[in-house]
Amino acid sequence: MLFATIIITVLEFMFGVILNIFLGLNIWDYGNLKFNILGQISLGYSALWFFLSLPAIFLDDWLRWKLFEEEKPRYKLF
């Protein structure tokens, strides 16, 4: 989940800089939130991505199993 959060946050920052700052599209702006970087990413939203990545991981595993006939996912807590 941490790895997914880092990837999502880095991509959000990169696309934010390109789309919002360089191209001036102003699609989103976190400038009014605390702990933001250039108004493109926010610590609060990064925390949200952390928790949203778990259901996304399960969905990805399930879709790979059903659509691409990959091995059925098995999970272990420890």
PDB file of N, CA and C in Angstrom:
ATOM      1  N   MET A   1       0.822  -1.190   0.000  1.00  0.00           N
ATOM      2  CA  MET A   1       0.000   0.000   0.000  1.00  0.00           C
ATOM      3  C   MET A   1       0.869   1.258   0.000  1.00  0.00           C
ATOM      4  N   LEU A   2       1.979   1.190   0.729  1.00  0.00           N
ATOM      5  CA  LEU A   2       2.884   2.336   0.763  1.00  0.00           C
ATOM      6  C   LEU A   2       3.493   2.587  -0.608  1.00  0.00           C
ATOM      7  N   PHE A   3       3.895   1.507  -1.285  1.00  0.00           N
ATOM      8  CA  PHE A   3       4.464   1.626  -2.626  1.00  0.00           C
ATOM      9  C   PHE A   3       3.446   2.245  -3.588  1.00  0.00           C
ATOM     10  N   ALA A   4       2.192   1.795  -3.518  1.00  0.00           N
ATOM     11  CA  ALA A   4       1.140   2.351  -4.373  1.00  0.00           C
ATOM     12  C   ALA A   4       0.920   3.831  -4.063  1.00  0.00           C
ATOM     13  N   THR A   5       0.949   4.201  -2.793  1.00  0.00           N
ATOM     14  CA  THR A   5       0.766   5.597  -2.399  1.00  0.00           C
ATOM     15  C   THR A   5       1.872   6.477  -2.964  1.00  0.00           C
ATOM     16  N   ILE A   6       3.095   5.986  -2.892  1.00  0.00           N
ATOM     17  CA  ILE A   6       4.229   6.756  -3.420  1.00  0.00           C
ATOM     18  C   ILE A   6       4.090   6.944  -4.927  1.00  0.00           C
ATOM     19  N   ILE A   7       3.751   5.867  -5.630  1.00  0.00           N
ATOM     20  CA  ILE A   7       3.583   5.963  -7.088  1.00  0.00           C
ATOM     21  C   ILE A   7       2.481   6.950  -7.446  1.00  0.00           C
ATOM     22  N   ILE A   8       1.332   6.839  -6.798  1.00  0.00           N
ATOM     23  CA  ILE A   8       0.202   7.721  -7.096  1.00  0.00           C
ATOM     24  C   ILE A   8       0.557   9.171  -6.804  1.00  0.00           C
ATOM     25  N   THR A   9       1.200   9.423  -5.673  1.00  0.00           N
ATOM     26  CA  THR A   9       1.547  10.792  -5.289  1.00  0.00           C
ATOM     27  C   THR A   9       2.562  11.399  -6.254  1.00  0.00           C
ATOM     28  N   VAL A  10       3.557  10.618  -6.640  1.00  0.00           N
ATOM     29  CA  VAL A  10       4.564  11.114  -7.593  1.00  0.00           C
ATOM     30  C   VAL A  10       3.913  11.421  -8.937  1.00  0.00           C
ATOM     31  N   LEU A  11       3.051  10.520  -9.412  1.00  0.00           N
ATOM     32  CA  LEU A  11       2.356  10.759 -10.688  1.00  0.00           C
ATOM     33  C   LEU A  11       1.438  11.974 -10.613  1.00  0.00           C
ATOM     34  N   GLU A  12       0.736  12.119  -9.483  1.00  0.00           N
ATOM     35  CA  GLU A  12      -0.144  13.280  -9.317  1.00  0.00           C
ATOM     36  C   GLU A  12       0.667  14.569  -9.352  1.00  0.00           C
ATOM     37  N   PHE A  13       1.835  14.562  -8.724  1.00  0.00           N
ATOM     38  CA  PHE A  13       2.684  15.750  -8.731  1.00  0.00           C
ATOM     39  C   PHE A  13       3.187  16.052 -10.140  1.00  0.00           C
ATOM     40  N   MET A  14       3.690  15.022 -10.822  1.00  0.00           N
ATOM     41  CA  MET A  14       4.232  15.228 -12.172  1.00  0.00           C
ATOM     42  C   MET A  14       3.157  15.758 -13.128  1.00  0.00           C
ATOM     43  N   PHE A  15       1.993  15.117 -13.126  1.00  0.00           N
ATOM     44  CA  PHE A  15       0.928  15.571 -14.016  1.00  0.00           C
ATOM     45  C   PHE A  15       0.377  16.930 -13.589  1.00  0.00           C
ATOM     46  N   GLY A  16       0.360  17.193 -12.280  1.00  0.00           N
ATOM     47  CA  GLY A  16      -0.075  18.494 -11.805  1.00  0.00           C
ATOM     48  C   GLY A  16       0.838  19.611 -12.281  1.00  0.00           C
ATOM     49  N   VAL A  17       2.132  19.379 -12.199  1.00  0.00           N
ATOM     50  CA  VAL A  17       3.079  20.392 -12.664  1.00  0.00           C
ATOM     51  C   VAL A  17       2.911  20.626 -14.160  1.00  0.00           C
ATOM     52  N   ILE A  18       2.790  19.547 -14.919  1.00  0.00           N
ATOM     53  CA  ILE A  18       2.653  19.687 -16.380  1.00  0.00           C
ATOM     54  C   ILE A  18       1.325  20.337 -16.747  1.00  0.00           C
ATOM     55  N   LEU A  19       0.227  19.763 -16.256  1.00  0.00           N
ATOM     56  CA  LEU A  19      -1.104  20.231 -16.679  1.00  0.00           C
ATOM     57  C   LEU A  19      -1.509  21.551 -16.033  1.00  0.00           C
ATOM     58  N   ASN A  20      -1.255  21.679 -14.738  1.00  0.00           N
ATOM     59  CA  ASN A  20      -1.750  22.860 -14.025  1.00  0.00           C
ATOM     60  C   ASN A  20      -0.804  24.051 -14.090  1.00  0.00           C
ATOM     61  N   ILE A  21       0.493  23.790 -13.965  1.00  0.00           N
ATOM     62  CA  ILE A  21       1.444  24.900 -13.919  1.00  0.00           C
ATOM     63  C   ILE A  21       1.931  25.271 -15.317  1.00  0.00           C
ATOM     64  N   PHE A  22       2.498  24.304 -16.047  1.00  0.00           N
ATOM     65  CA  PHE A  22       3.057  24.623 -17.369  1.00  0.00           C
ATOM     66  C   PHE A  22       1.982  24.935 -18.402  1.00  0.00           C
ATOM     67  N   LEU A  23       0.928  24.110 -18.451  1.00  0.00           N
ATOM     68  CA  LEU A  23      -0.121  24.318 -19.464  1.00  0.00           C
ATOM     69  C   LEU A  23      -1.239  25.235 -18.973  1.00  0.00           C
ATOM     70  N   GLY A  24      -1.275  25.524 -17.681  1.00  0.00           N
ATOM     71  CA  GLY A  24      -2.255  26.455 -17.130  1.00  0.00           C
ATOM     72  C   GLY A  24      -3.688  25.967 -17.165  1.00  0.00           C
ATOM     73  N   LEU A  25      -3.909  24.650 -17.126  1.00  0.00           N
ATOM     74  CA  LEU A  25      -5.273  24.123 -17.196  1.00  0.00           C
ATOM     75  C   LEU A  25      -6.025  24.225 -15.871  1.00  0.00           C
ATOM     76  N   ASN A  26      -5.313  24.331 -14.766  1.00  0.00           N
ATOM     77  CA  ASN A  26      -5.913  24.485 -13.432  1.00  0.00           C
ATOM     78  C   ASN A  26      -6.990  23.444 -13.151  1.00  0.00           C
ATOM     79  N   ILE A  27      -6.641  22.185 -13.341  1.00  0.00           N
ATOM     80  CA  ILE A  27      -7.577  21.091 -13.109  1.00  0.00           C
ATOM     81  C   ILE A  27      -7.821  20.899 -11.617  1.00  0.00           C
ATOM     82  N   TRP A  28      -6.771  20.981 -10.796  1.00  0.00           N
ATOM     83  CA  TRP A  28      -6.920  20.910  -9.344  1.00  0.00           C
ATOM     84  C   TRP A  28      -5.899  21.831  -8.698  1.00  0.00           C
ATOM     85  N   ASP A  29      -6.208  22.211  -7.455  1.00  0.00           N
ATOM     86  CA  ASP A  29      -5.324  23.106  -6.719  1.00  0.00           C
ATOM     87  C   ASP A  29      -5.478  22.830  -5.233  1.00  0.00           C
ATOM     88  N   TYR A  30      -4.443  22.281  -4.622  1.00  0.00           N
ATOM     89  CA  TYR A  30      -4.440  22.025  -3.191  1.00  0.00           C
ATOM     90  C   TYR A  30      -3.740  23.156  -2.442  1.00  0.00           C
ATOM     91  N   GLY A  31      -3.584  24.288  -3.077  1.00  0.00           N
ATOM     92  CA  GLY A  31      -2.866  25.407  -2.493  1.00  0.00           C
ATOM     93  C   GLY A  31      -3.449  25.921  -1.196  1.00  0.00           C
ATOM     94  N   ASN A  32      -4.741  25.720  -0.974  1.00  0.00           N
ATOM     95  CA  ASN A  32      -5.375  26.215   0.248  1.00  0.00           C
ATOM     96  C   ASN A  32      -5.315  25.200   1.391  1.00  0.00           C
ATOM     97  N   LEU A  33      -4.730  24.018   1.142  1.00  0.00           N
ATOM     98  CA  LEU A  33      -4.610  22.994   2.180  1.00  0.00           C
ATOM     99  C   LEU A  33      -3.226  23.046   2.812  1.00  0.00           C
ATOM    100  N   LYS A  34      -3.160  22.635   4.073  1.00  0.00           N
ATOM    101  CA  LYS A  34      -1.860  22.559   4.748  1.00  0.00           C
ATOM    102  C   LYS A  34      -1.047  21.417   4.151  1.00  0.00           C
ATOM    103  N   PHE A  35       0.243  21.532   4.263  1.00  0.00           N
ATOM    104  CA  PHE A  35       1.178  20.491   3.844  1.00  0.00           C
ATOM    105  C   PHE A  35       1.025  20.127   2.366  1.00  0.00           C
ATOM    106  N   ASN A  36       0.970  21.155   1.517  1.00  0.00           N
ATOM    107  CA  ASN A  36       0.915  20.915   0.077  1.00  0.00           C
ATOM    108  C   ASN A  36       2.247  21.307  -0.547  1.00  0.00           C
ATOM    109  N   ILE A  37       2.514  20.770  -1.714  1.00  0.00           N
ATOM    110  CA  ILE A  37       3.715  21.130  -2.467  1.00  0.00           C
ATOM    111  C   ILE A  37       3.263  21.738  -3.786  1.00  0.00           C
ATOM    112  N   LEU A  38       3.524  23.013  -3.950  1.00  0.00           N
ATOM    113  CA  LEU A  38       3.161  23.780  -5.147  1.00  0.00           C
ATOM    114  C   LEU A  38       1.670  23.691  -5.470  1.00  0.00           C
ATOM    115  N   GLY A  39       0.871  23.314  -4.495  1.00  0.00           N
ATOM    116  CA  GLY A  39      -0.576  23.192  -4.716  1.00  0.00           C
ATOM    117  C   GLY A  39      -0.961  21.979  -5.534  1.00  0.00           C
ATOM    118  N   GLN A  40      -0.013  21.082  -5.802  1.00  0.00           N
ATOM    119  CA  GLN A  40      -0.285  19.939  -6.674  1.00  0.00           C
ATOM    120  C   GLN A  40      -0.519  18.640  -5.911  1.00  0.00           C
ATOM    121  N   ILE A  41       0.110  18.481  -4.765  1.00  0.00           N
ATOM    122  CA  ILE A  41      -0.127  17.317  -3.919  1.00  0.00           C
ATOM    123  C   ILE A  41      -0.298  17.789  -2.487  1.00  0.00           C
ATOM    124  N   SER A  42      -1.002  16.981  -1.705  1.00  0.00           N
ATOM    125  CA  SER A  42      -1.264  17.312  -0.315  1.00  0.00           C
ATOM    126  C   SER A  42      -1.059  16.058   0.536  1.00  0.00           C
ATOM    127  N   LEU A  43      -0.506  16.232   1.715  1.00  0.00           N
ATOM    128  CA  LEU A  43      -0.279  15.103   2.610  1.00  0.00           C
ATOM    129  C   LEU A  43      -1.589  14.396   2.951  1.00  0.00           C
ATOM    130  N   GLY A  44      -2.656  15.155   3.128  1.00  0.00           N
ATOM    131  CA  GLY A  44      -3.953  14.546   3.439  1.00  0.00           C
ATOM    132  C   GLY A  44      -4.455  13.646   2.330  1.00  0.00           C
ATOM    133  N   TYR A  45      -4.308  14.072   1.101  1.00  0.00           N
ATOM    134  CA  TYR A  45      -4.739  13.244  -0.013  1.00  0.00           C
ATOM    135  C   TYR A  45      -3.815  12.053  -0.220  1.00  0.00           C
ATOM    136  N   SER A  46      -2.549  12.212   0.098  1.00  0.00           N
ATOM    137  CA  SER A  46      -1.644  11.070   0.027  1.00  0.00           C
ATOM    138  C   SER A  46      -2.062  10.001   1.031  1.00  0.00           C
ATOM    139  N   ALA A  47      -2.482  10.421   2.220  1.00  0.00           N
ATOM    140  CA  ALA A  47      -2.984   9.464   3.215  1.00  0.00           C
ATOM    141  C   ALA A  47      -4.245   8.774   2.705  1.00  0.00           C
ATOM    142  N   LEU A  48      -5.099   9.513   2.029  1.00  0.00           N
ATOM    143  CA  LEU A  48      -6.312   8.919   1.446  1.00  0.00           C
ATOM    144  C   LEU A  48      -5.944   7.880   0.395  1.00  0.00           C
ATOM    145  N   TRP A  49      -4.951   8.180  -0.444  1.00  0.00           N
ATOM    146  CA  TRP A  49      -4.502   7.222  -1.458  1.00  0.00           C
ATOM    147  C   TRP A  49      -3.992   5.939  -0.801  1.00  0.00           C
ATOM    148  N   PHE A  50      -3.359   6.066   0.374  1.00  0.00           N
ATOM    149  CA  PHE A  50      -2.861   4.890   1.078  1.00  0.00           C
ATOM    150  C   PHE A  50      -4.005   3.916   1.352  1.00  0.00           C
ATOM    151  N   PHE A  51      -5.108   4.428   1.882  1.00  0.00           N
ATOM    152  CA  PHE A  51      -6.234   3.549   2.231  1.00  0.00           C
ATOM    153  C   PHE A  51      -7.018   3.094   1.007  1.00  0.00           C
ATOM    154  N   LEU A  52      -7.092   3.915  -0.019  1.00  0.00           N
ATOM    155  CA  LEU A  52      -7.799   3.521  -1.239  1.00  0.00           C
ATOM    156  C   LEU A  52      -7.019   2.510  -2.068  1.00  0.00           C
ATOM    157  N   SER A  53      -5.721   2.422  -1.831  1.00  0.00           N
ATOM    158  CA  SER A  53      -4.930   1.486  -2.620  1.00  0.00           C
ATOM    159  C   SER A  53      -5.233   0.031  -2.262  1.00  0.00           C
ATOM    160  N   LEU A  54      -5.649  -0.262  -1.045  1.00  0.00           N
ATOM    161  CA  LEU A  54      -5.943  -1.643  -0.669  1.00  0.00           C
ATOM    162  C   LEU A  54      -7.096  -2.225  -1.491  1.00  0.00           C
ATOM    163  N   PRO A  55      -8.263  -1.569  -1.563  1.00  0.00           N
ATOM    164  CA  PRO A  55      -9.311  -2.135  -2.424  1.00  0.00           C
ATOM    165  C   PRO A  55      -8.904  -2.164  -3.895  1.00  0.00           C
ATOM    166  N   ALA A  56      -8.071  -1.221  -4.322  1.00  0.00           N
ATOM    167  CA  ALA A  56      -7.611  -1.214  -5.709  1.00  0.00           C
ATOM    168  C   ALA A  56      -6.708  -2.424  -5.981  1.00  0.00           C
ATOM    169  N   ILE A  57      -5.888  -2.789  -5.017  1.00  0.00           N
ATOM    170  CA  ILE A  57      -5.025  -3.961  -5.164  1.00  0.00           C
ATOM    171  C   ILE A  57      -5.871  -5.229  -5.272  1.00  0.00           C
ATOM    172  N   PHE A  58      -6.881  -5.351  -4.398  1.00  0.00           N
ATOM    173  CA  PHE A  58      -7.774  -6.514  -4.461  1.00  0.00           C
ATOM    174  C   PHE A  58      -8.514  -6.567  -5.798  1.00  0.00           C
ATOM    175  N   LEU A  59      -9.006  -5.432  -6.255  1.00  0.00           N
ATOM    176  CA  LEU A  59      -9.717  -5.382  -7.532  1.00  0.00           C
ATOM    177  C   LEU A  59      -8.796  -5.760  -8.687  1.00  0.00           C
ATOM    178  N   ASP A  60      -7.581  -5.259  -8.677  1.00  0.00           N
ATOM    179  CA  ASP A  60      -6.619  -5.597  -9.719  1.00  0.00           C
ATOM    180  C   ASP A  60      -6.333  -7.097  -9.734  1.00  0.00           C
ATOM    181  N   ASP A  61      -6.125  -7.689  -8.563  1.00  0.00           N
ATOM    182  CA  ASP A  61      -5.877  -9.129  -8.489  1.00  0.00           C
ATOM    183  C   ASP A  61      -7.064  -9.922  -9.011  1.00  0.00           C
ATOM    184  N   TRP A  62      -8.265  -9.519  -8.633  1.00  0.00           N
ATOM    185  CA  TRP A  62      -9.468 -10.220  -9.064  1.00  0.00           C
ATOM    186  C   TRP A  62      -9.648 -10.113 -10.584  1.00  0.00           C
ATOM    187  N   LEU A  63      -9.443  -8.911 -11.139  1.00  0.00           N
ATOM    188  CA  LEU A  63      -9.575  -8.732 -12.586  1.00  0.00           C
ATOM    189  C   LEU A  63      -8.541  -9.548 -13.352  1.00  0.00           C
ATOM    190  N   ARG A  64      -7.311  -9.596 -12.855  1.00  0.00           N
ATOM    191  CA  ARG A  64      -6.280 -10.409 -13.513  1.00  0.00           C
ATOM    192  C   ARG A  64      -6.659 -11.882 -13.494  1.00  0.00           C
ATOM    193  N   TRP A  65      -7.253 -12.336 -12.380  1.00  0.00           N
ATOM    194  CA  TRP A  65      -7.672 -13.727 -12.258  1.00  0.00           C
ATOM    195  C   TRP A  65      -8.814 -14.035 -13.223  1.00  0.00           C
ATOM    196  N   LYS A  66      -9.829 -13.159 -13.267  1.00  0.00           N
ATOM    197  CA  LYS A  66     -11.009 -13.401 -14.094  1.00  0.00           C
ATOM    198  C   LYS A  66     -10.768 -13.153 -15.587  1.00  0.00           C
ATOM    199  N   LEU A  67     -10.116 -12.060 -15.919  1.00  0.00           N
ATOM    200  CA  LEU A  67      -9.986 -11.669 -17.325  1.00  0.00           C
ATOM    201  C   LEU A  67      -8.782 -12.290 -18.025  1.00  0.00           C
ATOM    202  N   PHE A  68      -7.699 -12.473 -17.295  1.00  0.00           N
ATOM    203  CA  PHE A  68      -6.470 -12.928 -17.929  1.00  0.00           C
ATOM    204  C   PHE A  68      -6.057 -14.328 -17.474  1.00  0.00           C
ATOM    205  N   GLU A  69      -6.933 -14.967 -16.703  1.00  0.00           N
ATOM    206  CA  GLU A  69      -6.731 -16.334 -16.241  1.00  0.00           C
ATOM    207  C   GLU A  69      -5.398 -16.531 -15.531  1.00  0.00           C
ATOM    208  N   GLU A  70      -5.009 -15.528 -14.776  1.00  0.00           N
ATOM    209  CA  GLU A  70      -3.817 -15.662 -13.947  1.00  0.00           C
ATOM    210  C   GLU A  70      -4.165 -16.481 -12.711  1.00  0.00           C
ATOM    211  N   GLU A  71      -3.160 -16.813 -11.941  1.00  0.00           N
ATOM    212  CA  GLU A  71      -3.384 -17.620 -10.745  1.00  0.00           C
ATOM    213  C   GLU A  71      -4.332 -16.903  -9.785  1.00  0.00           C
ATOM    214  N   LYS A  72      -5.222 -17.685  -9.161  1.00  0.00           N
ATOM    215  CA  LYS A  72      -6.172 -17.110  -8.209  1.00  0.00           C
ATOM    216  C   LYS A  72      -5.400 -16.499  -7.039  1.00  0.00           C
ATOM    217  N   PRO A  73      -5.731 -15.262  -6.678  1.00  0.00           N
ATOM    218  CA  PRO A  73      -4.990 -14.608  -5.594  1.00  0.00           C
ATOM    219  C   PRO A  73      -5.259 -15.268  -4.245  1.00  0.00           C
ATOM    220  N   ARG A  74      -4.201 -15.408  -3.462  1.00  0.00           N
ATOM    221  CA  ARG A  74      -4.296 -15.913  -2.097  1.00  0.00           C
ATOM    222  C   ARG A  74      -3.605 -14.897  -1.202  1.00  0.00           C
ATOM    223  N   TYR A  75      -4.209 -14.619  -0.080  1.00  0.00           N
ATOM    224  CA  TYR A  75      -3.659 -13.599   0.819  1.00  0.00           C
ATOM    225  C   TYR A  75      -3.359 -14.203   2.182  1.00  0.00           C
ATOM    226  N   LYS A  76      -2.300 -13.734   2.782  1.00  0.00           N
ATOM    227  CA  LYS A  76      -1.928 -14.127   4.138  1.00  0.00           C
ATOM    228  C   LYS A  76      -1.709 -12.858   4.951  1.00  0.00           C
ATOM    229  N   LEU A  77      -2.198 -12.847   6.168  1.00  0.00           N
ATOM    230  CA  LEU A  77      -1.972 -11.693   7.029  1.00  0.00           C
ATOM    231  C   LEU A  77      -0.540 -11.640   7.529  1.00  0.00           C
ATOM    232  N   PHE A  78      -0.005 -12.779   7.888  1.00  0.00           N
ATOM    233  CA  PHE A  78       1.358 -12.805   8.438  1.00  0.00           C
ATOM    234  C   PHE A  78       2.150 -13.911   7.804  1.00  0.00           C
TER     235      PHE A  78
END
